Amino acid sequence: VGYVLSRKAFHQVGQVMDYSKHGGAVLLGLKGAVIKTHGSSKAETVR
């Protein structure tokens, strides 16, 4: 019942902690842009 009443807040927490929204890891120091993302990435993370 508490979850139903606080669903919006829980959703917002989940959105903040979703590291996939920030993209992948960049290998800085190379002569080209190289970006590695999580092996478990799905379409939204790729986007």
All heavy atoms as atom14 arrays in JSON, in Angstrom:
{
  "sequence": "VGYVLSRKAFHQVGQVMDYSKHGGAVLLGLKGAVIKTHGSSKAETVR",
  "atom14_mask": [
    [1, 1, 1, 1, 1, 1, 1, 0, 0, 0, 0, 0, 0, 0],
    [1, 1, 1, 1, 0, 0, 0, 0, 0, 0, 0, 0, 0, 0],
    [1, 1, 1, 1, 1, 1, 1, 1, 1, 1, 1, 1, 0, 0],
    [1, 1, 1, 1, 1, 1, 1, 0, 0, 0, 0, 0, 0, 0],
    [1, 1, 1, 1, 1, 1, 1, 1, 0, 0, 0, 0, 0, 0],
    [1, 1, 1, 1, 1, 1, 0, 0, 0, 0, 0, 0, 0, 0],
    [1, 1, 1, 1, 1, 1, 1, 1, 1, 1, 1, 0, 0, 0],
    [1, 1, 1, 1, 1, 1, 1, 1, 1, 0, 0, 0, 0, 0],
    [1, 1, 1, 1, 1, 0, 0, 0, 0, 0, 0, 0, 0, 0],
    [1, 1, 1, 1, 1, 1, 1, 1, 1, 1, 1, 0, 0, 0],
    [1, 1, 1, 1, 1, 1, 1, 1, 1, 1, 0, 0, 0, 0],
    [1, 1, 1, 1, 1, 1, 1, 1, 1, 0, 0, 0, 0, 0],
    [1, 1, 1, 1, 1, 1, 1, 0, 0, 0, 0, 0, 0, 0],
    [1, 1, 1, 1, 0, 0, 0, 0, 0, 0, 0, 0, 0, 0],
    [1, 1, 1, 1, 1, 1, 1, 1, 1, 0, 0, 0, 0, 0],
    [1, 1, 1, 1, 1, 1, 1, 0, 0, 0, 0, 0, 0, 0],
    [1, 1, 1, 1, 1, 1, 1, 1, 0, 0, 0, 0, 0, 0],
    [1, 1, 1, 1, 1, 1, 1, 1, 0, 0, 0, 0, 0, 0],
    [1, 1, 1, 1, 1, 1, 1, 1, 1, 1, 1, 1, 0, 0],
    [1, 1, 1, 1, 1, 1, 0, 0, 0, 0, 0, 0, 0, 0],
    [1, 1, 1, 1, 1, 1, 1, 1, 1, 0, 0, 0, 0, 0],
    [1, 1, 1, 1, 1, 1, 1, 1, 1, 1, 0, 0, 0, 0],
    [1, 1, 1, 1, 0, 0, 0, 0, 0, 0, 0, 0, 0, 0],
    [1, 1, 1, 1, 0, 0, 0, 0, 0, 0, 0, 0, 0, 0],
    [1, 1, 1, 1, 1, 0, 0, 0, 0, 0, 0, 0, 0, 0],
    [1, 1, 1, 1, 1, 1, 1, 0, 0, 0, 0, 0, 0, 0],
    [1, 1, 1, 1, 1, 1, 1, 1, 0, 0, 0, 0, 0, 0],
    [1, 1, 1, 1, 1, 1, 1, 1, 0, 0, 0, 0, 0, 0],
    [1, 1, 1, 1, 0, 0, 0, 0, 0, 0, 0, 0, 0, 0],
    [1, 1, 1, 1, 1, 1, 1, 1, 0, 0, 0, 0, 0, 0],
    [1, 1, 1, 1, 1, 1, 1, 1, 1, 0, 0, 0, 0, 0],
    [1, 1, 1, 1, 0, 0, 0, 0, 0, 0, 0, 0, 0, 0],
    [1, 1, 1, 1, 1, 0, 0, 0, 0, 0, 0, 0, 0, 0],
    [1, 1, 1, 1, 1, 1, 1, 0, 0, 0, 0, 0, 0, 0],
    [1, 1, 1, 1, 1, 1, 1, 1, 0, 0, 0, 0, 0, 0],
    [1, 1, 1, 1, 1, 1, 1, 1, 1, 0, 0, 0, 0, 0],
    [1, 1, 1, 1, 1, 1, 1, 0, 0, 0, 0, 0, 0, 0],
    [1, 1, 1, 1, 1, 1, 1, 1, 1, 1, 0, 0, 0, 0],
    [1, 1, 1, 1, 0, 0, 0, 0, 0, 0, 0, 0, 0, 0],
    [1, 1, 1, 1, 1, 1, 0, 0, 0, 0, 0, 0, 0, 0],
    [1, 1, 1, 1, 1, 1, 0, 0, 0, 0, 0, 0, 0, 0],
    [1, 1, 1, 1, 1, 1, 1, 1, 1, 0, 0, 0, 0, 0],
    [1, 1, 1, 1, 1, 0, 0, 0, 0, 0, 0, 0, 0, 0],
    [1, 1, 1, 1, 1, 1, 1, 1, 1, 0, 0, 0, 0, 0],
    [1, 1, 1, 1, 1, 1, 1, 0, 0, 0, 0, 0, 0, 0],
    [1, 1, 1, 1, 1, 1, 1, 0, 0, 0, 0, 0, 0, 0],
    [1, 1, 1, 1, 1, 1, 1, 1, 1, 1, 1, 0, 0, 0]
  ],
  "atom14_positions": [
    [[0.84, -1.2, 0.0], [0.0, 0.0, 0.0], [0.88, 1.25, 0.0], [0.62, 2.22, -0.74], [-0.95, 0.0, 1.22], [-1.69, 1.33, 1.32], [-1.93, -1.15, 1.14], [0.0, 0.0, 0.0], [0.0, 0.0, 0.0], [0.0, 0.0, 0.0], [0.0, 0.0, 0.0], [0.0, 0.0, 0.0], [0.0, 0.0, 0.0], [0.0, 0.0, 0.0]],
    [[1.92, 1.2, 0.82], [2.85, 2.34, 0.87], [3.53, 2.57, -0.47], [3.74, 3.72, -0.89], [0.0, 0.0, 0.0], [0.0, 0.0, 0.0], [0.0, 0.0, 0.0], [0.0, 0.0, 0.0], [0.0, 0.0, 0.0], [0.0, 0.0, 0.0], [0.0, 0.0, 0.0], [0.0, 0.0, 0.0], [0.0, 0.0, 0.0], [0.0, 0.0, 0.0]],
    [[3.84, 1.47, -1.15], [4.48, 1.59, -2.46], [3.54, 2.27, -3.46], [3.96, 3.14, -4.23], [4.88, 0.22, -2.98], [5.29, 0.24, -4.44], [6.51, 0.79, -4.82], [4.44, -0.24, -5.43], [6.89, 0.84, -6.16], [4.81, -0.19, -6.77], [6.02, 0.35, -7.12], [6.39, 0.42, -8.44], [0.0, 0.0, 0.0], [0.0, 0.0, 0.0]],
    [[2.28, 1.87, -3.44], [1.3, 2.46, -4.36], [1.22, 3.97, -4.14], [1.19, 4.76, -5.09], [-0.08, 1.81, -4.19], [-1.13, 2.57, -4.99], [-0.04, 0.35, -4.62], [0.0, 0.0, 0.0], [0.0, 0.0, 0.0], [0.0, 0.0, 0.0], [0.0, 0.0, 0.0], [0.0, 0.0, 0.0], [0.0, 0.0, 0.0], [0.0, 0.0, 0.0]],
    [[1.24, 4.37, -2.88], [1.14, 5.8, -2.57], [2.43, 6.56, -2.92], [2.39, 7.75, -3.19], [0.83, 5.98, -1.07], [-0.52, 5.42, -0.59], [-0.64, 5.57, 0.92], [-1.67, 6.16, -1.29], [0.0, 0.0, 0.0], [0.0, 0.0, 0.0], [0.0, 0.0, 0.0], [0.0, 0.0, 0.0], [0.0, 0.0, 0.0], [0.0, 0.0, 0.0]],
    [[3.56, 5.83, -2.9], [4.86, 6.47, -3.16], [5.48, 6.05, -4.48], [6.68, 6.18, -4.69], [5.83, 6.14, -2.01], [5.29, 6.49, -0.76], [0.0, 0.0, 0.0], [0.0, 0.0, 0.0], [0.0, 0.0, 0.0], [0.0, 0.0, 0.0], [0.0, 0.0, 0.0], [0.0, 0.0, 0.0], [0.0, 0.0, 0.0], [0.0, 0.0, 0.0]],
    [[4.66, 5.53, -5.38], [5.18, 4.96, -6.62], [6.01, 5.98, -7.41], [7.06, 5.65, -7.96], [4.02, 4.45, -7.48], [4.47, 3.78, -8.77], [3.27, 3.29, -9.56], [2.51, 2.32, -8.78], [1.33, 1.83, -9.18], [0.79, 2.25, -10.31], [0.71, 0.93, -8.43], [0.0, 0.0, 0.0], [0.0, 0.0, 0.0], [0.0, 0.0, 0.0]],
    [[5.55, 7.19, -7.47], [6.26, 8.22, -8.23], [7.66, 8.45, -7.67], [8.63, 8.56, -8.42], [5.48, 9.53, -8.22], [6.12, 10.63, -9.07], [5.26, 11.88, -9.08], [5.92, 12.97, -9.92], [5.09, 14.21, -9.94], [0.0, 0.0, 0.0], [0.0, 0.0, 0.0], [0.0, 0.0, 0.0], [0.0, 0.0, 0.0], [0.0, 0.0, 0.0]],
    [[7.77, 8.49, -6.34], [9.07, 8.71, -5.71], [10.01, 7.54, -5.98], [11.2, 7.73, -6.28], [8.9, 8.91, -4.21], [0.0, 0.0, 0.0], [0.0, 0.0, 0.0], [0.0, 0.0, 0.0], [0.0, 0.0, 0.0], [0.0, 0.0, 0.0], [0.0, 0.0, 0.0], [0.0, 0.0, 0.0], [0.0, 0.0, 0.0], [0.0, 0.0, 0.0]],
    [[9.48, 6.31, -5.89], [10.31, 5.13, -6.18], [10.8, 5.15, -7.63], [11.94, 4.79, -7.92], [9.52, 3.85, -5.9], [9.47, 3.47, -4.45], [8.3, 3.55, -3.73], [10.62, 3.01, -3.8], [8.25, 3.19, -2.39], [10.59, 2.64, -2.46], [9.4, 2.74, -1.75], [0.0, 0.0, 0.0], [0.0, 0.0, 0.0], [0.0, 0.0, 0.0]],
    [[9.91, 5.54, -8.53], [10.29, 5.6, -9.94], [11.4, 6.63, -10.15], [12.35, 6.38, -10.9], [9.07, 5.98, -10.78], [9.37, 6.15, -12.24], [9.66, 5.1, -13.07], [9.47, 7.28, -13.0], [9.9, 5.55, -14.29], [9.78, 6.87, -14.27], [0.0, 0.0, 0.0], [0.0, 0.0, 0.0], [0.0, 0.0, 0.0], [0.0, 0.0, 0.0]],
    [[11.29, 7.77, -9.48], [12.31, 8.81, -9.61], [13.66, 8.33, -9.09], [14.71, 8.62, -9.69], [11.86, 10.08, -8.87], [10.69, 10.78, -9.54], [10.14, 11.92, -8.72], [10.35, 11.99, -7.5], [9.43, 12.84, -9.36], [0.0, 0.0, 0.0], [0.0, 0.0, 0.0], [0.0, 0.0, 0.0], [0.0, 0.0, 0.0], [0.0, 0.0, 0.0]],
    [[13.65, 7.59, -7.96], [14.88, 7.05, -7.41], [15.52, 6.08, -8.4], [16.73, 6.11, -8.66], [14.63, 6.35, -6.06], [15.88, 5.57, -5.62], [14.25, 7.36, -5.0], [0.0, 0.0, 0.0], [0.0, 0.0, 0.0], [0.0, 0.0, 0.0], [0.0, 0.0, 0.0], [0.0, 0.0, 0.0], [0.0, 0.0, 0.0], [0.0, 0.0, 0.0]],
    [[14.7, 5.22, -8.99], [15.19, 4.27, -9.97], [15.8, 4.97, -11.17], [16.83, 4.53, -11.7], [0.0, 0.0, 0.0], [0.0, 0.0, 0.0], [0.0, 0.0, 0.0], [0.0, 0.0, 0.0], [0.0, 0.0, 0.0], [0.0, 0.0, 0.0], [0.0, 0.0, 0.0], [0.0, 0.0, 0.0], [0.0, 0.0, 0.0], [0.0, 0.0, 0.0]],
    [[15.18, 6.05, -11.61], [15.7, 6.8, -12.76], [17.05, 7.44, -12.44], [17.97, 7.43, -13.27], [14.71, 7.9, -13.15], [13.41, 7.38, -13.76], [13.63, 6.7, -15.1], [14.17, 7.3, -16.03], [13.23, 5.46, -15.19], [0.0, 0.0, 0.0], [0.0, 0.0, 0.0], [0.0, 0.0, 0.0], [0.0, 0.0, 0.0], [0.0, 0.0, 0.0]],
    [[17.19, 7.97, -11.23], [18.45, 8.61, -10.83], [19.57, 7.58, -10.78], [20.7, 7.83, -11.23], [18.3, 9.3, -9.46], [19.67, 9.75, -8.93], [17.38, 10.51, -9.57], [0.0, 0.0, 0.0], [0.0, 0.0, 0.0], [0.0, 0.0, 0.0], [0.0, 0.0, 0.0], [0.0, 0.0, 0.0], [0.0, 0.0, 0.0], [0.0, 0.0, 0.0]],
    [[19.31, 6.4, -10.24], [20.34, 5.39, -10.05], [20.62, 4.57, -11.31], [21.49, 3.71, -11.3], [19.93, 4.45, -8.91], [19.88, 5.12, -7.55], [21.43, 5.93, -7.11], [22.54, 4.52, -7.02], [0.0, 0.0, 0.0], [0.0, 0.0, 0.0], [0.0, 0.0, 0.0], [0.0, 0.0, 0.0], [0.0, 0.0, 0.0], [0.0, 0.0, 0.0]],
    [[19.89, 4.83, -12.38], [20.1, 4.09, -13.62], [21.32, 4.63, -14.34], [21.25, 5.59, -15.1], [18.85, 4.21, -14.51], [18.96, 3.36, -15.78], [19.97, 2.65, -15.92], [18.04, 3.44, -16.62], [0.0, 0.0, 0.0], [0.0, 0.0, 0.0], [0.0, 0.0, 0.0], [0.0, 0.0, 0.0], [0.0, 0.0, 0.0], [0.0, 0.0, 0.0]],
    [[22.48, 3.98, -14.1], [23.74, 4.46, -14.68], [23.77, 4.35, -16.2], [24.56, 5.02, -16.86], [24.93, 3.7, -14.09], [24.83, 2.2, -14.16], [25.12, 1.52, -15.33], [24.45, 1.46, -13.04], [25.02, 0.14, -15.41], [24.35, 0.07, -13.12], [24.64, -0.58, -14.29], [24.54, -1.93, -14.36], [0.0, 0.0, 0.0], [0.0, 0.0, 0.0]],
    [[22.91, 3.52, -16.77], [22.91, 3.36, -18.23], [22.5, 4.64, -18.95], [22.81, 4.81, -20.14], [21.97, 2.22, -18.64], [20.62, 2.56, -18.38], [0.0, 0.0, 0.0], [0.0, 0.0, 0.0], [0.0, 0.0, 0.0], [0.0, 0.0, 0.0], [0.0, 0.0, 0.0], [0.0, 0.0, 0.0], [0.0, 0.0, 0.0], [0.0, 0.0, 0.0]],
    [[21.82, 5.53, -18.26], [21.41, 6.79, -18.88], [22.59, 7.68, -19.21], [22.48, 8.6, -20.03], [20.44, 7.54, -17.95], [19.08, 6.89, -17.8], [18.16, 7.73, -16.95], [16.76, 7.12, -16.95], [16.14, 7.15, -18.27], [0.0, 0.0, 0.0], [0.0, 0.0, 0.0], [0.0, 0.0, 0.0], [0.0, 0.0, 0.0], [0.0, 0.0, 0.0]],
    [[23.73, 7.44, -18.57], [24.9, 8.29, -18.78], [25.82, 7.77, -19.88], [26.88, 8.34, -20.13], [25.68, 8.43, -17.47], [24.89, 9.1, -16.39], [24.72, 10.47, -16.32], [24.18, 8.58, -15.34], [23.97, 10.78, -15.27], [23.63, 9.65, -14.67], [0.0, 0.0, 0.0], [0.0, 0.0, 0.0], [0.0, 0.0, 0.0], [0.0, 0.0, 0.0]],
    [[25.44, 6.69, -20.55], [26.22, 6.18, -21.67], [27.28, 5.2, -21.23], [27.17, 4.54, -20.2], [0.0, 0.0, 0.0], [0.0, 0.0, 0.0], [0.0, 0.0, 0.0], [0.0, 0.0, 0.0], [0.0, 0.0, 0.0], [0.0, 0.0, 0.0], [0.0, 0.0, 0.0], [0.0, 0.0, 0.0], [0.0, 0.0, 0.0], [0.0, 0.0, 0.0]],
    [[28.33, 5.09, -22.04], [29.37, 4.1, -21.79], [30.63, 4.71, -21.22], [30.67, 5.88, -20.83], [0.0, 0.0, 0.0], [0.0, 0.0, 0.0], [0.0, 0.0, 0.0], [0.0, 0.0, 0.0], [0.0, 0.0, 0.0], [0.0, 0.0, 0.0], [0.0, 0.0, 0.0], [0.0, 0.0, 0.0], [0.0, 0.0, 0.0], [0.0, 0.0, 0.0]],
    [[31.67, 3.9, -21.17], [32.98, 4.35, -20.68], [33.84, 4.73, -21.89], [33.91, 4.0, -22.88], [33.65, 3.24, -19.89], [0.0, 0.0, 0.0], [0.0, 0.0, 0.0], [0.0, 0.0, 0.0], [0.0, 0.0, 0.0], [0.0, 0.0, 0.0], [0.0, 0.0, 0.0], [0.0, 0.0, 0.0], [0.0, 0.0, 0.0], [0.0, 0.0, 0.0]],
    [[34.48, 5.88, -21.8], [35.28, 6.41, -22.91], [36.76, 6.15, -22.62], [37.23, 6.4, -21.5], [35.05, 7.93, -23.06], [35.78, 8.45, -24.3], [33.57, 8.24, -23.13], [0.0, 0.0, 0.0], [0.0, 0.0, 0.0], [0.0, 0.0, 0.0], [0.0, 0.0, 0.0], [0.0, 0.0, 0.0], [0.0, 0.0, 0.0], [0.0, 0.0, 0.0]],
    [[37.49, 5.65, -23.61], [38.92, 5.44, -23.45], [39.63, 6.72, -23.89], [39.9, 6.92, -25.08], [39.38, 4.24, -24.26], [40.79, 3.7, -23.96], [40.92, 3.32, -22.48], [41.11, 2.51, -24.84], [0.0, 0.0, 0.0], [0.0, 0.0, 0.0], [0.0, 0.0, 0.0], [0.0, 0.0, 0.0], [0.0, 0.0, 0.0], [0.0, 0.0, 0.0]],
    [[39.91, 7.59, -22.93], [40.54, 8.87, -23.22], [42.05, 8.73, -23.36], [42.68, 7.97, -22.63], [40.23, 9.88, -22.11], [38.78, 10.34, -21.98], [38.66, 11.34, -20.83], [38.29, 10.96, -23.28], [0.0, 0.0, 0.0], [0.0, 0.0, 0.0], [0.0, 0.0, 0.0], [0.0, 0.0, 0.0], [0.0, 0.0, 0.0], [0.0, 0.0, 0.0]],
    [[42.62, 9.49, -24.29], [44.06, 9.46, -24.51], [44.43, 8.79, -25.82], [45.62, 8.65, -26.14], [0.0, 0.0, 0.0], [0.0, 0.0, 0.0], [0.0, 0.0, 0.0], [0.0, 0.0, 0.0], [0.0, 0.0, 0.0], [0.0, 0.0, 0.0], [0.0, 0.0, 0.0], [0.0, 0.0, 0.0], [0.0, 0.0, 0.0], [0.0, 0.0, 0.0]],
    [[43.42, 8.37, -26.59], [43.66, 7.77, -27.89], [43.44, 8.8, -28.99], [42.79, 9.83, -28.79], [42.73, 6.58, -28.11], [42.89, 5.4, -27.17], [41.87, 4.31, -27.53], [44.3, 4.83, -27.2], [0.0, 0.0, 0.0], [0.0, 0.0, 0.0], [0.0, 0.0, 0.0], [0.0, 0.0, 0.0], [0.0, 0.0, 0.0], [0.0, 0.0, 0.0]],
    [[43.93, 8.48, -30.19], [43.79, 9.4, -31.33], [42.44, 9.29, -32.02], [42.25, 9.84, -33.11], [44.92, 9.13, -32.33], [46.29, 9.52, -31.81], [47.39, 9.36, -32.84], [47.71, 7.92, -33.1], [48.9, 7.76, -34.0], [0.0, 0.0, 0.0], [0.0, 0.0, 0.0], [0.0, 0.0, 0.0], [0.0, 0.0, 0.0], [0.0, 0.0, 0.0]],
    [[41.52, 8.6, -31.38], [40.16, 8.48, -31.88], [39.22, 8.23, -30.73], [39.65, 7.86, -29.63], [0.0, 0.0, 0.0], [0.0, 0.0, 0.0], [0.0, 0.0, 0.0], [0.0, 0.0, 0.0], [0.0, 0.0, 0.0], [0.0, 0.0, 0.0], [0.0, 0.0, 0.0], [0.0, 0.0, 0.0], [0.0, 0.0, 0.0], [0.0, 0.0, 0.0]],
    [[37.93, 8.43, -30.96], [36.94, 8.22, -29.9], [36.59, 6.73, -29.8], [36.13, 6.13, -30.76], [35.68, 9.03, -30.2], [0.0, 0.0, 0.0], [0.0, 0.0, 0.0], [0.0, 0.0, 0.0], [0.0, 0.0, 0.0], [0.0, 0.0, 0.0], [0.0, 0.0, 0.0], [0.0, 0.0, 0.0], [0.0, 0.0, 0.0], [0.0, 0.0, 0.0]],
    [[36.83, 6.14, -28.63], [36.53, 4.73, -28.37], [35.62, 4.66, -27.15], [35.99, 5.14, -26.08], [37.82, 3.92, -28.13], [37.47, 2.48, -27.76], [38.71, 3.96, -29.36], [0.0, 0.0, 0.0], [0.0, 0.0, 0.0], [0.0, 0.0, 0.0], [0.0, 0.0, 0.0], [0.0, 0.0, 0.0], [0.0, 0.0, 0.0], [0.0, 0.0, 0.0]],
    [[34.45, 4.07, -27.31], [33.46, 4.03, -26.24], [33.01, 2.6, -26.01], [32.58, 1.91, -26.94], [32.24, 4.92, -26.57], [32.67, 6.39, -26.7], [31.19, 4.8, -25.46], [33.14, 6.77, -28.07], [0.0, 0.0, 0.0], [0.0, 0.0, 0.0], [0.0, 0.0, 0.0], [0.0, 0.0, 0.0], [0.0, 0.0, 0.0], [0.0, 0.0, 0.0]],
    [[33.11, 2.16, -24.77], [32.72, 0.8, -24.38], [31.54, 0.88, -23.41], [31.61, 1.57, -22.4], [33.9, 0.1, -23.71], [33.56, -1.18, -22.94], [33.2, -2.33, -23.86], [32.99, -3.63, -23.07], [31.81, -3.61, -22.2], [0.0, 0.0, 0.0], [0.0, 0.0, 0.0], [0.0, 0.0, 0.0], [0.0, 0.0, 0.0], [0.0, 0.0, 0.0]],
    [[30.46, 0.18, -23.73], [29.32, 0.15, -22.83], [29.17, -1.23, -22.21], [29.85, -2.18, -22.61], [28.03, 0.57, -23.56], [27.02, 0.86, -22.59], [27.55, -0.52, -24.49], [0.0, 0.0, 0.0], [0.0, 0.0, 0.0], [0.0, 0.0, 0.0], [0.0, 0.0, 0.0], [0.0, 0.0, 0.0], [0.0, 0.0, 0.0], [0.0, 0.0, 0.0]],
    [[28.28, -1.37, -21.25], [28.08, -2.62, -20.51], [27.74, -3.77, -21.44], [26.98, -3.61, -22.4], [26.96, -2.46, -19.48], [27.37, -1.69, -18.27], [27.97, -2.28, -17.18], [27.3, -0.37, -17.98], [28.21, -1.36, -16.26], [27.82, -0.2, -16.72], [0.0, 0.0, 0.0], [0.0, 0.0, 0.0], [0.0, 0.0, 0.0], [0.0, 0.0, 0.0]],
    [[28.27, -4.94, -21.13], [27.98, -6.13, -21.92], [26.51, -6.51, -21.9], [26.0, -7.13, -22.83], [0.0, 0.0, 0.0], [0.0, 0.0, 0.0], [0.0, 0.0, 0.0], [0.0, 0.0, 0.0], [0.0, 0.0, 0.0], [0.0, 0.0, 0.0], [0.0, 0.0, 0.0], [0.0, 0.0, 0.0], [0.0, 0.0, 0.0], [0.0, 0.0, 0.0]],
    [[25.81, -6.11, -20.84], [24.38, -6.44, -20.71], [23.47, -5.39, -21.33], [22.26, -5.45, -21.17], [24.03, -6.6, -19.23], [24.29, -5.4, -18.52], [0.0, 0.0, 0.0], [0.0, 0.0, 0.0], [0.0, 0.0, 0.0], [0.0, 0.0, 0.0], [0.0, 0.0, 0.0], [0.0, 0.0, 0.0], [0.0, 0.0, 0.0], [0.0, 0.0, 0.0]],
    [[24.06, -4.42, -22.02], [23.28, -3.29, -22.55], [22.18, -3.74, -23.51], [22.37, -4.65, -24.32], [24.21, -2.33, -23.3], [25.11, -1.71, -22.41], [0.0, 0.0, 0.0], [0.0, 0.0, 0.0], [0.0, 0.0, 0.0], [0.0, 0.0, 0.0], [0.0, 0.0, 0.0], [0.0, 0.0, 0.0], [0.0, 0.0, 0.0], [0.0, 0.0, 0.0]],
    [[21.06, -3.06, -23.39], [19.95, -3.27, -24.31], [19.78, -2.01, -25.18], [20.56, -1.08, -25.1], [18.67, -3.62, -23.55], [18.77, -4.99, -22.87], [17.42, -5.47, -22.38], [17.54, -6.89, -21.82], [16.23, -7.41, -21.36], [0.0, 0.0, 0.0], [0.0, 0.0, 0.0], [0.0, 0.0, 0.0], [0.0, 0.0, 0.0], [0.0, 0.0, 0.0]],
    [[18.75, -2.0, -25.99], [18.6, -0.97, -27.02], [18.64, 0.45, -26.46], [19.3, 1.32, -27.02], [17.3, -1.2, -27.79], [0.0, 0.0, 0.0], [0.0, 0.0, 0.0], [0.0, 0.0, 0.0], [0.0, 0.0, 0.0], [0.0, 0.0, 0.0], [0.0, 0.0, 0.0], [0.0, 0.0, 0.0], [0.0, 0.0, 0.0], [0.0, 0.0, 0.0]],
    [[17.94, 0.68, -25.34], [17.88, 2.04, -24.8], [19.26, 2.52, -24.34], [19.61, 3.69, -24.51], [16.88, 2.1, -23.65], [16.56, 3.51, -23.17], [15.92, 4.37, -24.23], [15.17, 3.84, -25.08], [16.18, 5.6, -24.22], [0.0, 0.0, 0.0], [0.0, 0.0, 0.0], [0.0, 0.0, 0.0], [0.0, 0.0, 0.0], [0.0, 0.0, 0.0]],
    [[20.04, 1.61, -23.75], [21.38, 1.97, -23.33], [22.27, 2.28, -24.53], [23.07, 3.23, -24.5], [22.01, 0.84, -22.5], [21.18, 0.55, -21.39], [23.4, 1.22, -22.01], [0.0, 0.0, 0.0], [0.0, 0.0, 0.0], [0.0, 0.0, 0.0], [0.0, 0.0, 0.0], [0.0, 0.0, 0.0], [0.0, 0.0, 0.0], [0.0, 0.0, 0.0]],
    [[22.12, 1.49, -25.59], [22.88, 1.75, -26.81], [22.53, 3.13, -27.36], [23.41, 3.91, -27.74], [22.59, 0.67, -27.87], [23.25, 1.02, -29.2], [23.09, -0.69, -27.38], [0.0, 0.0, 0.0], [0.0, 0.0, 0.0], [0.0, 0.0, 0.0], [0.0, 0.0, 0.0], [0.0, 0.0, 0.0], [0.0, 0.0, 0.0], [0.0, 0.0, 0.0]],
    [[21.24, 3.44, -27.36], [20.81, 4.76, -27.84], [21.39, 5.88, -26.99], [21.85, 6.9, -27.49], [19.28, 4.82, -27.83], [18.71, 6.1, -28.45], [18.34, 7.07, -27.34], [17.8, 8.31, -27.88], [18.16, 9.51, -27.47], [19.07, 9.67, -26.54], [17.62, 10.58, -28.0], [0.0, 0.0, 0.0], [0.0, 0.0, 0.0], [0.0, 0.0, 0.0]]
  ]
}
